[in-house]
Amino acid sequence: MALGVTGFAFAGPALAACQEPATGTNEVPMFSPPLSAVVVGKGRLQFYAAPDADCAMKGVFVVPNDAVIADAQSRGGWSSVMYFNPRTGQSVSGWVRSQRLRETGAVGPKR
């Protein structure tokens, strides 16, 4: 289910200081190919504009059993993910806590 999106305008004083880190570095290595993962645990998994607890994207979350695509992971326990809602056709990208994800495989062409 989910993606509780109340809007995609994430501007404002709280998020103005939220800067995404550069991916593909030693601190935030990229996955190649990206990984598919499923949300585990209980309750909503909040999306963040940057890997920082102060950068929550209000109203944007996924729930257990939702599938996401992860393309990078920080050493601090955050994953950069994209979620596509098959019901609404909307997608969102952001950061979530890595411990709430279970890898299900790589994303790419089948051989």
PDB file of N, CA and C in Angstrom:
ATOM      1  N   MET A   1       0.858  -1.170   0.000  1.00  0.00           N
ATOM      2  CA  MET A   1       0.000   0.000   0.000  1.00  0.00           C
ATOM      3  C   MET A   1       0.895   1.220   0.000  1.00  0.00           C
ATOM      4  N   ALA A   2       0.749   2.244   0.211  1.00  0.00           N
ATOM      5  CA  ALA A   2       1.133   3.495   0.791  1.00  0.00           C
ATOM      6  C   ALA A   2       1.690   4.541  -0.125  1.00  0.00           C
ATOM      7  N   LEU A   3       2.559   5.274   0.366  1.00  0.00           N
ATOM      8  CA  LEU A   3       3.084   6.526  -0.135  1.00  0.00           C
ATOM      9  C   LEU A   3       2.060   7.572   0.235  1.00  0.00           C
ATOM     10  N   GLY A   4       2.125   7.990   1.471  1.00  0.00           N
ATOM     11  CA  GLY A   4       1.227   9.000   1.981  1.00  0.00           C
ATOM     12  C   GLY A   4       1.711  10.355   1.535  1.00  0.00           C
ATOM     13  N   VAL A   5       1.503  10.675   0.303  1.00  0.00           N
ATOM     14  CA  VAL A   5       2.006  11.930  -0.233  1.00  0.00           C
ATOM     15  C   VAL A   5       0.947  13.006  -0.096  1.00  0.00           C
ATOM     16  N   THR A   6       1.293  14.053   0.628  1.00  0.00           N
ATOM     17  CA  THR A   6       0.371  15.175   0.760  1.00  0.00           C
ATOM     18  C   THR A   6       0.761  16.299  -0.189  1.00  0.00           C
ATOM     19  N   GLY A   7       1.850  16.131  -0.894  1.00  0.00           N
ATOM     20  CA  GLY A   7       2.325  17.130  -1.843  1.00  0.00           C
ATOM     21  C   GLY A   7       3.804  16.943  -2.063  1.00  0.00           C
ATOM     22  N   PHE A   8       4.314  17.510  -3.145  1.00  0.00           N
ATOM     23  CA  PHE A   8       5.724  17.362  -3.450  1.00  0.00           C
ATOM     24  C   PHE A   8       6.493  18.656  -3.242  1.00  0.00           C
ATOM     25  N   ALA A   9       5.925  19.643  -2.612  1.00  0.00           N
ATOM     26  CA  ALA A   9       6.635  20.893  -2.342  1.00  0.00           C
ATOM     27  C   ALA A   9       7.282  20.781  -0.975  1.00  0.00           C
ATOM     28  N   PHE A  10       8.563  20.491  -0.955  1.00  0.00           N
ATOM     29  CA  PHE A  10       9.251  20.259   0.301  1.00  0.00           C
ATOM     30  C   PHE A  10      10.130  21.437   0.688  1.00  0.00           C
ATOM     31  N   ALA A  11       9.765  22.613   0.285  1.00  0.00           N
ATOM     32  CA  ALA A  11      10.534  23.801   0.629  1.00  0.00           C
ATOM     33  C   ALA A  11      10.131  24.278   2.014  1.00  0.00           C
ATOM     34  N   GLY A  12      10.905  25.147   2.552  1.00  0.00           N
ATOM     35  CA  GLY A  12      10.590  25.695   3.859  1.00  0.00           C
ATOM     36  C   GLY A  12      11.833  25.727   4.713  1.00  0.00           C
ATOM     37  N   PRO A  13      11.764  26.432   5.832  1.00  0.00           N
ATOM     38  CA  PRO A  13      12.949  26.594   6.649  1.00  0.00           C
ATOM     39  C   PRO A  13      13.525  25.280   7.156  1.00  0.00           C
ATOM     40  N   ALA A  14      12.677  24.314   7.503  1.00  0.00           N
ATOM     41  CA  ALA A  14      13.180  23.061   8.055  1.00  0.00           C
ATOM     42  C   ALA A  14      13.981  22.274   7.027  1.00  0.00           C
ATOM     43  N   LEU A  15      13.536  22.266   5.764  1.00  0.00           N
ATOM     44  CA  LEU A  15      14.225  21.485   4.747  1.00  0.00           C
ATOM     45  C   LEU A  15      15.251  22.290   3.968  1.00  0.00           C
ATOM     46  N   ALA A  16      15.296  23.585   4.162  1.00  0.00           N
ATOM     47  CA  ALA A  16      16.248  24.412   3.420  1.00  0.00           C
ATOM     48  C   ALA A  16      17.681  24.007   3.722  1.00  0.00           C
ATOM     49  N   ALA A  17      17.957  23.564   4.944  1.00  0.00           N
ATOM     50  CA  ALA A  17      19.314  23.174   5.320  1.00  0.00           C
ATOM     51  C   ALA A  17      19.624  21.722   4.969  1.00  0.00           C
ATOM     52  N   CYS A  18      18.661  20.975   4.476  1.00  0.00           N
ATOM     53  CA  CYS A  18      18.858  19.563   4.152  1.00  0.00           C
ATOM     54  C   CYS A  18      19.533  19.436   2.789  1.00  0.00           C
ATOM     55  N   GLN A  19      20.748  18.958   2.801  1.00  0.00           N
ATOM     56  CA  GLN A  19      21.512  18.781   1.575  1.00  0.00           C
ATOM     57  C   GLN A  19      21.788  17.302   1.372  1.00  0.00           C
ATOM     58  N   GLU A  20      21.425  16.795   0.194  1.00  0.00           N
ATOM     59  CA  GLU A  20      21.738  15.406  -0.107  1.00  0.00           C
ATOM     60  C   GLU A  20      23.243  15.272  -0.290  1.00  0.00           C
ATOM     61  N   PRO A  21      23.826  14.202   0.237  1.00  0.00           N
ATOM     62  CA  PRO A  21      25.258  13.994   0.036  1.00  0.00           C
ATOM     63  C   PRO A  21      25.528  13.514  -1.387  1.00  0.00           C
ATOM     64  N   ALA A  22      26.742  13.694  -1.831  1.00  0.00           N
ATOM     65  CA  ALA A  22      27.129  13.187  -3.145  1.00  0.00           C
ATOM     66  C   ALA A  22      27.194  11.669  -3.078  1.00  0.00           C
ATOM     67  N   THR A  23      26.482  11.012  -3.987  1.00  0.00           N
ATOM     68  CA  THR A  23      26.542   9.555  -4.027  1.00  0.00           C
ATOM     69  C   THR A  23      27.705   9.124  -4.906  1.00  0.00           C
ATOM     70  N   GLY A  24      28.119   7.889  -4.738  1.00  0.00           N
ATOM     71  CA  GLY A  24      29.263   7.396  -5.499  1.00  0.00           C
ATOM     72  C   GLY A  24      30.589   7.746  -4.856  1.00  0.00           C
ATOM     73  N   THR A  25      30.546   8.115  -3.574  1.00  0.00           N
ATOM     74  CA  THR A  25      31.769   8.441  -2.834  1.00  0.00           C
ATOM     75  C   THR A  25      32.041   7.327  -1.825  1.00  0.00           C
ATOM     76  N   ASN A  26      33.155   7.418  -1.120  1.00  0.00           N
ATOM     77  CA  ASN A  26      33.450   6.430  -0.078  1.00  0.00           C
ATOM     78  C   ASN A  26      32.423   6.470   1.044  1.00  0.00           C
ATOM     79  N   GLU A  27      31.877   7.641   1.328  1.00  0.00           N
ATOM     80  CA  GLU A  27      30.887   7.771   2.404  1.00  0.00           C
ATOM     81  C   GLU A  27      29.496   7.308   1.989  1.00  0.00           C
ATOM     82  N   VAL A  28      29.166   7.426   0.706  1.00  0.00           N
ATOM     83  CA  VAL A  28      27.844   7.026   0.205  1.00  0.00           C
ATOM     84  C   VAL A  28      28.040   6.270  -1.115  1.00  0.00           C
ATOM     85  N   PRO A  29      28.514   5.012  -1.018  1.00  0.00           N
ATOM     86  CA  PRO A  29      28.729   4.251  -2.254  1.00  0.00           C
ATOM     87  C   PRO A  29      27.416   3.909  -2.943  1.00  0.00           C
ATOM     88  N   MET A  30      27.467   3.879  -4.271  1.00  0.00           N
ATOM     89  CA  MET A  30      26.295   3.536  -5.074  1.00  0.00           C
ATOM     90  C   MET A  30      26.268   2.037  -5.318  1.00  0.00           C
ATOM     91  N   PHE A  31      25.061   1.497  -5.498  1.00  0.00           N
ATOM     92  CA  PHE A  31      24.881   0.105  -5.878  1.00  0.00           C
ATOM     93  C   PHE A  31      24.829   0.037  -7.402  1.00  0.00           C
ATOM     94  N   SER A  32      25.556  -0.876  -7.974  1.00  0.00           N
ATOM     95  CA  SER A  32      25.521  -1.050  -9.414  1.00  0.00           C
ATOM     96  C   SER A  32      25.489  -2.541  -9.717  1.00  0.00           C
ATOM     97  N   PRO A  33      24.361  -3.051 -10.135  1.00  0.00           N
ATOM     98  CA  PRO A  33      23.103  -2.366 -10.423  1.00  0.00           C
ATOM     99  C   PRO A  33      22.361  -2.023  -9.128  1.00  0.00           C
ATOM    100  N   PRO A  34      21.338  -1.183  -9.239  1.00  0.00           N
ATOM    101  CA  PRO A  34      20.520  -0.868  -8.057  1.00  0.00           C
ATOM    102  C   PRO A  34      19.910  -2.147  -7.482  1.00  0.00           C
ATOM    103  N   LEU A  35      19.510  -2.082  -6.227  1.00  0.00           N
ATOM    104  CA  LEU A  35      18.937  -3.233  -5.542  1.00  0.00           C
ATOM    105  C   LEU A  35      17.450  -3.043  -5.292  1.00  0.00           C
ATOM    106  N   SER A  36      16.703  -4.118  -5.445  1.00  0.00           N
ATOM    107  CA  SER A  36      15.303  -4.073  -5.025  1.00  0.00           C
ATOM    108  C   SER A  36      15.261  -4.500  -3.567  1.00  0.00           C
ATOM    109  N   ALA A  37      14.340  -3.925  -2.829  1.00  0.00           N
ATOM    110  CA  ALA A  37      14.206  -4.227  -1.406  1.00  0.00           C
ATOM    111  C   ALA A  37      12.742  -4.110  -1.025  1.00  0.00           C
ATOM    112  N   VAL A  38      12.412  -4.734   0.082  1.00  0.00           N
ATOM    113  CA  VAL A  38      11.058  -4.656   0.611  1.00  0.00           C
ATOM    114  C   VAL A  38      11.142  -4.062   2.013  1.00  0.00           C
ATOM    115  N   VAL A  39      10.143  -3.271   2.367  1.00  0.00           N
ATOM    116  CA  VAL A  39      10.076  -2.652   3.687  1.00  0.00           C
ATOM    117  C   VAL A  39       9.680  -3.714   4.703  1.00  0.00           C
ATOM    118  N   VAL A  40      10.435  -3.790   5.809  1.00  0.00           N
ATOM    119  CA  VAL A  40      10.155  -4.746   6.879  1.00  0.00           C
ATOM    120  C   VAL A  40       9.921  -3.989   8.181  1.00  0.00           C
ATOM    121  N   GLY A  41       9.507  -4.714   9.193  1.00  0.00           N
ATOM    122  CA  GLY A  41       9.251  -4.090  10.489  1.00  0.00           C
ATOM    123  C   GLY A  41       7.801  -3.669  10.596  1.00  0.00           C
ATOM    124  N   LYS A  42       7.537  -2.842  11.592  1.00  0.00           N
ATOM    125  CA  LYS A  42       6.162  -2.411  11.849  1.00  0.00           C
ATOM    126  C   LYS A  42       6.013  -0.918  11.615  1.00  0.00           C
ATOM    127  N   GLY A  43       4.858  -0.547  11.130  1.00  0.00           N
ATOM    128  CA  GLY A  43       4.523   0.861  10.975  1.00  0.00           C
ATOM    129  C   GLY A  43       5.123   1.503   9.739  1.00  0.00           C
ATOM    130  N   ARG A  44       4.867   2.773   9.636  1.00  0.00           N
ATOM    131  CA  ARG A  44       5.325   3.562   8.492  1.00  0.00           C
ATOM    132  C   ARG A  44       6.839   3.734   8.507  1.00  0.00           C
ATOM    133  N   LEU A  45       7.417   3.753   7.299  1.00  0.00           N
ATOM    134  CA  LEU A  45       8.836   4.067   7.132  1.00  0.00           C
ATOM    135  C   LEU A  45       8.912   5.443   6.485  1.00  0.00           C
ATOM    136  N   GLN A  46       9.315   6.419   7.263  1.00  0.00           N
ATOM    137  CA  GLN A  46       9.374   7.821   6.853  1.00  0.00           C
ATOM    138  C   GLN A  46      10.422   8.053   5.774  1.00  0.00           C
ATOM    139  N   PHE A  47      10.102   8.909   4.782  1.00  0.00           N
ATOM    140  CA  PHE A  47      11.072   9.385   3.799  1.00  0.00           C
ATOM    141  C   PHE A  47      11.691  10.673   4.313  1.00  0.00           C
ATOM    142  N   TYR A  48      12.969  10.879   3.983  1.00  0.00           N
ATOM    143  CA  TYR A  48      13.711  12.079   4.359  1.00  0.00           C
ATOM    144  C   TYR A  48      14.340  12.682   3.110  1.00  0.00           C
ATOM    145  N   ALA A  49      14.465  13.998   3.075  1.00  0.00           N
ATOM    146  CA  ALA A  49      15.067  14.691   1.938  1.00  0.00           C
ATOM    147  C   ALA A  49      16.577  14.504   1.894  1.00  0.00           C
ATOM    148  N   ALA A  50      17.167  14.176   3.014  1.00  0.00           N
ATOM    149  CA  ALA A  50      18.602  13.929   3.144  1.00  0.00           C
ATOM    150  C   ALA A  50      18.765  12.922   4.279  1.00  0.00           C
ATOM    151  N   PRO A  51      19.906  12.262   4.374  1.00  0.00           N
ATOM    152  CA  PRO A  51      20.094  11.282   5.450  1.00  0.00           C
ATOM    153  C   PRO A  51      20.336  11.963   6.798  1.00  0.00           C
ATOM    154  N   ASP A  52      19.273  12.562   7.306  1.00  0.00           N
ATOM    155  CA  ASP A  52      19.333  13.352   8.534  1.00  0.00           C
ATOM    156  C   ASP A  52      17.944  13.319   9.164  1.00  0.00           C
ATOM    157  N   ALA A  53      17.873  12.973  10.440  1.00  0.00           N
ATOM    158  CA  ALA A  53      16.583  12.871  11.131  1.00  0.00           C
ATOM    159  C   ALA A  53      15.799  14.178  11.133  1.00  0.00           C
ATOM    160  N   ASP A  54      16.451  15.308  10.907  1.00  0.00           N
ATOM    161  CA  ASP A  54      15.770  16.608  10.873  1.00  0.00           C
ATOM    162  C   ASP A  54      15.202  16.947   9.496  1.00  0.00           C
ATOM    163  N   CYS A  55      15.327  16.028   8.538  1.00  0.00           N
ATOM    164  CA  CYS A  55      14.934  16.328   7.160  1.00  0.00           C
ATOM    165  C   CYS A  55      13.743  15.497   6.680  1.00  0.00           C
ATOM    166  N   ALA A  56      12.808  15.196   7.580  1.00  0.00           N
ATOM    167  CA  ALA A  56      11.641  14.394   7.221  1.00  0.00           C
ATOM    168  C   ALA A  56      10.809  15.079   6.143  1.00  0.00           C
ATOM    169  N   MET A  57      10.333  14.283   5.192  1.00  0.00           N
ATOM    170  CA  MET A  57       9.432  14.764   4.150  1.00  0.00           C
ATOM    171  C   MET A  57       8.014  14.508   4.669  1.00  0.00           C
ATOM    172  N   LYS A  58       7.410  15.529   5.200  1.00  0.00           N
ATOM    173  CA  LYS A  58       6.108  15.404   5.873  1.00  0.00           C
ATOM    174  C   LYS A  58       5.088  14.703   4.975  1.00  0.00           C
ATOM    175  N   GLY A  59       4.477  13.671   5.532  1.00  0.00           N
ATOM    176  CA  GLY A  59       3.426  12.954   4.826  1.00  0.00           C
ATOM    177  C   GLY A  59       3.905  11.975   3.768  1.00  0.00           C
ATOM    178  N   VAL A  60       5.207  11.726   3.680  1.00  0.00           N
ATOM    179  CA  VAL A  60       5.733  10.820   2.659  1.00  0.00           C
ATOM    180  C   VAL A  60       6.350   9.614   3.368  1.00  0.00           C
ATOM    181  N   PHE A  61       5.791   8.448   3.105  1.00  0.00           N
ATOM    182  CA  PHE A  61       6.233   7.236   3.792  1.00  0.00           C
ATOM    183  C   PHE A  61       5.841   6.018   2.971  1.00  0.00           C
ATOM    184  N   VAL A  62       6.426   4.888   3.315  1.00  0.00           N
ATOM    185  CA  VAL A  62       6.017   3.594   2.790  1.00  0.00           C
ATOM    186  C   VAL A  62       5.692   2.714   3.996  1.00  0.00           C
ATOM    187  N   VAL A  63       5.077   1.588   3.740  1.00  0.00           N
ATOM    188  CA  VAL A  63       4.670   0.685   4.823  1.00  0.00           C
ATOM    189  C   VAL A  63       5.247  -0.706   4.568  1.00  0.00           C
ATOM    190  N   PRO A  64       5.212  -1.570   5.593  1.00  0.00           N
ATOM    191  CA  PRO A  64       5.744  -2.920   5.406  1.00  0.00           C
ATOM    192  C   PRO A  64       5.176  -3.603   4.158  1.00  0.00           C
ATOM    193  N   ASN A  65       6.060  -4.311   3.481  1.00  0.00           N
ATOM    194  CA  ASN A  65       5.802  -5.059   2.246  1.00  0.00           C
ATOM    195  C   ASN A  65       5.813  -4.200   0.995  1.00  0.00           C
ATOM    196  N   ASP A  66       5.942  -2.873   1.105  1.00  0.00           N
ATOM    197  CA  ASP A  66       6.122  -2.044  -0.084  1.00  0.00           C
ATOM    198  C   ASP A  66       7.514  -2.326  -0.655  1.00  0.00           C
ATOM    199  N   ALA A  67       7.615  -2.332  -1.976  1.00  0.00           N
ATOM    200  CA  ALA A  67       8.891  -2.552  -2.649  1.00  0.00           C
ATOM    201  C   ALA A  67       9.509  -1.215  -3.038  1.00  0.00           C
ATOM    202  N   VAL A  68      10.821  -1.094  -2.858  1.00  0.00           N
ATOM    203  CA  VAL A  68      11.565   0.105  -3.239  1.00  0.00           C
ATOM    204  C   VAL A  68      12.802  -0.315  -4.032  1.00  0.00           C
ATOM    205  N   ILE A  69      13.395   0.658  -4.711  1.00  0.00           N
ATOM    206  CA  ILE A  69      14.658   0.464  -5.410  1.00  0.00           C
ATOM    207  C   ILE A  69      15.697   1.300  -4.680  1.00  0.00           C
ATOM    208  N   ALA A  70      16.763   0.654  -4.219  1.00  0.00           N
ATOM    209  CA  ALA A  70      17.840   1.348  -3.504  1.00  0.00           C
ATOM    210  C   ALA A  70      19.022   1.531  -4.444  1.00  0.00           C
ATOM    211  N   ASP A  71      19.560   2.760  -4.493  1.00  0.00           N
ATOM    212  CA  ASP A  71      20.703   2.996  -5.371  1.00  0.00           C
ATOM    213  C   ASP A  71      21.972   3.412  -4.636  1.00  0.00           C
ATOM    214  N   ALA A  72      21.879   3.685  -3.345  1.00  0.00           N
ATOM    215  CA  ALA A  72      23.072   4.051  -2.568  1.00  0.00           C
ATOM    216  C   ALA A  72      22.775   3.858  -1.093  1.00  0.00           C
ATOM    217  N   GLN A  73      23.848   3.718  -0.316  1.00  0.00           N
ATOM    218  CA  GLN A  73      23.686   3.576   1.126  1.00  0.00           C
ATOM    219  C   GLN A  73      24.820   4.307   1.830  1.00  0.00           C
ATOM    220  N   SER A  74      24.449   5.104   2.835  1.00  0.00           N
ATOM    221  CA  SER A  74      25.457   5.852   3.586  1.00  0.00           C
ATOM    222  C   SER A  74      26.061   4.976   4.670  1.00  0.00           C
ATOM    223  N   ARG A  75      27.222   5.348   5.123  1.00  0.00           N
ATOM    224  CA  ARG A  75      27.865   4.628   6.222  1.00  0.00           C
ATOM    225  C   ARG A  75      27.100   4.859   7.528  1.00  0.00           C
ATOM    226  N   GLY A  76      26.249   5.877   7.560  1.00  0.00           N
ATOM    227  CA  GLY A  76      25.475   6.196   8.744  1.00  0.00           C
ATOM    228  C   GLY A  76      24.157   5.435   8.852  1.00  0.00           C
ATOM    229  N   GLY A  77      23.900   4.462   7.958  1.00  0.00           N
ATOM    230  CA  GLY A  77      22.688   3.653   8.068  1.00  0.00           C
ATOM    231  C   GLY A  77      21.480   4.169   7.318  1.00  0.00           C
ATOM    232  N   TRP A  78      21.684   4.956   6.276  1.00  0.00           N
ATOM    233  CA  TRP A  78      20.592   5.478   5.453  1.00  0.00           C
ATOM    234  C   TRP A  78      20.712   4.916   4.039  1.00  0.00           C
ATOM    235  N   SER A  79      19.575   4.683   3.386  1.00  0.00           N
ATOM    236  CA  SER A  79      19.552   4.232   1.994  1.00  0.00           C
ATOM    237  C   SER A  79      18.798   5.239   1.141  1.00  0.00           C
ATOM    238  N   SER A  80      19.352   5.520  -0.021  1.00  0.00           N
ATOM    239  CA  SER A  80      18.687   6.356  -1.013  1.00  0.00           C
ATOM    240  C   SER A  80      17.791   5.436  -1.835  1.00  0.00           C
ATOM    241  N   VAL A  81      16.478   5.712  -1.819  1.00  0.00           N
ATOM    242  CA  VAL A  81      15.525   4.819  -2.472  1.00  0.00           C
ATOM    243  C   VAL A  81      14.534   5.584  -3.338  1.00  0.00           C
ATOM    244  N   MET A  82      13.883   4.814  -4.224  1.00  0.00           N
ATOM    245  CA  MET A  82      12.791   5.328  -5.037  1.00  0.00           C
ATOM    246  C   MET A  82      11.622   4.370  -4.846  1.00  0.00           C
ATOM    247  N   TYR A  83      10.426   4.938  -4.678  1.00  0.00           N
ATOM    248  CA  TYR A  83       9.217   4.135  -4.553  1.00  0.00           C
ATOM    249  C   TYR A  83       8.249   4.558  -5.646  1.00  0.00           C
ATOM    250  N   PHE A  84       7.661   3.569  -6.313  1.00  0.00           N
ATOM    251  CA  PHE A  84       6.635   3.810  -7.322  1.00  0.00           C
ATOM    252  C   PHE A  84       5.333   3.224  -6.804  1.00  0.00           C
ATOM    253  N   ASN A  85       4.303   4.060  -6.707  1.00  0.00           N
ATOM    254  CA  ASN A  85       3.002   3.606  -6.238  1.00  0.00           C
ATOM    255  C   ASN A  85       2.206   3.107  -7.441  1.00  0.00           C
ATOM    256  N   PRO A  86       1.990   1.800  -7.541  1.00  0.00           N
ATOM    257  CA  PRO A  86       1.283   1.263  -8.702  1.00  0.00           C
ATOM    258  C   PRO A  86      -0.177   1.696  -8.789  1.00  0.00           C
ATOM    259  N   ARG A  87      -0.763   2.060  -7.667  1.00  0.00           N
ATOM    260  CA  ARG A  87      -2.154   2.497  -7.652  1.00  0.00           C
ATOM    261  C   ARG A  87      -2.324   3.897  -8.224  1.00  0.00           C
ATOM    262  N   THR A  88      -1.425   4.812  -7.848  1.00  0.00           N
ATOM    263  CA  THR A  88      -1.570   6.212  -8.265  1.00  0.00           C
ATOM    264  C   THR A  88      -0.663   6.592  -9.426  1.00  0.00           C
ATOM    265  N   GLY A  89       0.389   5.792  -9.656  1.00  0.00           N
ATOM    266  CA  GLY A  89       1.360   6.129 -10.697  1.00  0.00           C
ATOM    267  C   GLY A  89       2.391   7.155 -10.244  1.00  0.00           C
ATOM    268  N   GLN A  90       2.318   7.590  -9.000  1.00  0.00           N
ATOM    269  CA  GLN A  90       3.283   8.565  -8.484  1.00  0.00           C
ATOM    270  C   GLN A  90       4.544   7.854  -8.010  1.00  0.00           C
ATOM    271  N   SER A  91       5.666   8.559  -8.101  1.00  0.00           N
ATOM    272  CA  SER A  91       6.908   8.028  -7.549  1.00  0.00           C
ATOM    273  C   SER A  91       7.544   9.102  -6.690  1.00  0.00           C
ATOM    274  N   VAL A  92       8.394   8.658  -5.786  1.00  0.00           N
ATOM    275  CA  VAL A  92       9.089   9.580  -4.901  1.00  0.00           C
ATOM    276  C   VAL A  92      10.470   9.002  -4.614  1.00  0.00           C
ATOM    277  N   SER A  93      11.444   9.863  -4.488  1.00  0.00           N
ATOM    278  CA  SER A  93      12.800   9.462  -4.118  1.00  0.00           C
ATOM    279  C   SER A  93      13.175  10.174  -2.834  1.00  0.00           C
ATOM    280  N   GLY A  94      13.967   9.509  -2.029  1.00  0.00           N
ATOM    281  CA  GLY A  94      14.415  10.100  -0.781  1.00  0.00           C
ATOM    282  C   GLY A  94      15.280   9.123  -0.021  1.00  0.00           C
ATOM    283  N   TRP A  95      15.438   9.382   1.253  1.00  0.00           N
ATOM    284  CA  TRP A  95      16.291   8.580   2.124  1.00  0.00           C
ATOM    285  C   TRP A  95      15.438   7.925   3.198  1.00  0.00           C
ATOM    286  N   VAL A  96      15.742   6.663   3.514  1.00  0.00           N
ATOM    287  CA  VAL A  96      15.069   5.933   4.580  1.00  0.00           C
ATOM    288  C   VAL A  96      16.125   5.236   5.422  1.00  0.00           C
ATOM    289  N   ARG A  97      15.732   4.794   6.610  1.00  0.00           N
ATOM    290  CA  ARG A  97      16.642   4.044   7.470  1.00  0.00           C
ATOM    291  C   ARG A  97      16.863   2.647   6.868  1.00  0.00           C
ATOM    292  N   SER A  98      18.115   2.279   6.672  1.00  0.00           N
ATOM    293  CA  SER A  98      18.486   1.025   6.005  1.00  0.00           C
ATOM    294  C   SER A  98      18.007  -0.214   6.752  1.00  0.00           C
ATOM    295  N   GLN A  99      17.976  -0.176   8.077  1.00  0.00           N
ATOM    296  CA  GLN A  99      17.612  -1.371   8.834  1.00  0.00           C
ATOM    297  C   GLN A  99      16.172  -1.801   8.596  1.00  0.00           C
ATOM    298  N   ARG A 100      15.348  -0.941   7.999  1.00  0.00           N
ATOM    299  CA  ARG A 100      13.952  -1.285   7.701  1.00  0.00           C
ATOM    300  C   ARG A 100      13.793  -1.891   6.304  1.00  0.00           C
ATOM    301  N   LEU A 101      14.907  -2.169   5.619  1.00  0.00           N
ATOM    302  CA  LEU A 101      14.838  -2.743   4.278  1.00  0.00           C
ATOM    303  C   LEU A 101      15.449  -4.139   4.263  1.00  0.00           C
ATOM    304  N   ARG A 102      14.830  -5.032   3.479  1.00  0.00           N
ATOM    305  CA  ARG A 102      15.401  -6.358   3.229  1.00  0.00           C
ATOM    306  C   ARG A 102      15.615  -6.482   1.737  1.00  0.00           C
ATOM    307  N   GLU A 103      16.866  -6.703   1.353  1.00  0.00           N
ATOM    308  CA  GLU A 103      17.218  -6.822  -0.057  1.00  0.00           C
ATOM    309  C   GLU A 103      16.540  -8.036  -0.663  1.00  0.00           C
ATOM    310  N   THR A 104      15.993  -7.861  -1.872  1.00  0.00           N
ATOM    311  CA  THR A 104      15.338  -8.970  -2.560  1.00  0.00           C
ATOM    312  C   THR A 104      16.017  -9.321  -3.878  1.00  0.00           C
ATOM    313  N   GLY A 105      16.989  -8.527  -4.297  1.00  0.00           N
ATOM    314  CA  GLY A 105      17.713  -8.832  -5.536  1.00  0.00           C
ATOM    315  C   GLY A 105      18.196  -7.578  -6.225  1.00  0.00           C
ATOM    316  N   ALA A 106      18.870  -7.781  -7.348  1.00  0.00           N
ATOM    317  CA  ALA A 106      19.377  -6.670  -8.150  1.00  0.00           C
ATOM    318  C   ALA A 106      18.335  -6.297  -9.192  1.00  0.00           C
ATOM    319  N   VAL A 107      18.364  -5.036  -9.612  1.00  0.00           N
ATOM    320  CA  VAL A 107      17.472  -4.545 -10.646  1.00  0.00           C
ATOM    321  C   VAL A 107      18.276  -4.402 -11.916  1.00  0.00           C
ATOM    322  N   GLY A 108      17.814  -5.012 -12.975  1.00  0.00           N
ATOM    323  CA  GLY A 108      18.531  -4.921 -14.248  1.00  0.00           C
ATOM    324  C   GLY A 108      17.948  -5.916 -15.234  1.00  0.00           C
ATOM    325  N   PRO A 109      18.486  -5.912 -16.434  1.00  0.00           N
ATOM    326  CA  PRO A 109      17.977  -6.826 -17.452  1.00  0.00           C
ATOM    327  C   PRO A 109      18.289  -8.270 -17.071  1.00  0.00           C
ATOM    328  N   LYS A 110      17.371  -9.160 -17.410  1.00  0.00           N
ATOM    329  CA  LYS A 110      17.594 -10.586 -17.185  1.00  0.00           C
ATOM    330  C   LYS A 110      18.411 -11.140 -18.340  1.00  0.00           C
ATOM    331  N   ARG A 111      19.296 -12.053 -18.005  1.00  0.00           N
ATOM    332  CA  ARG A 111      20.154 -12.659 -19.044  1.00  0.00           C
ATOM    333  C   ARG A 111      19.594 -13.988 -19.482  1.00  0.00           C
TER     334      ARG A 111
END
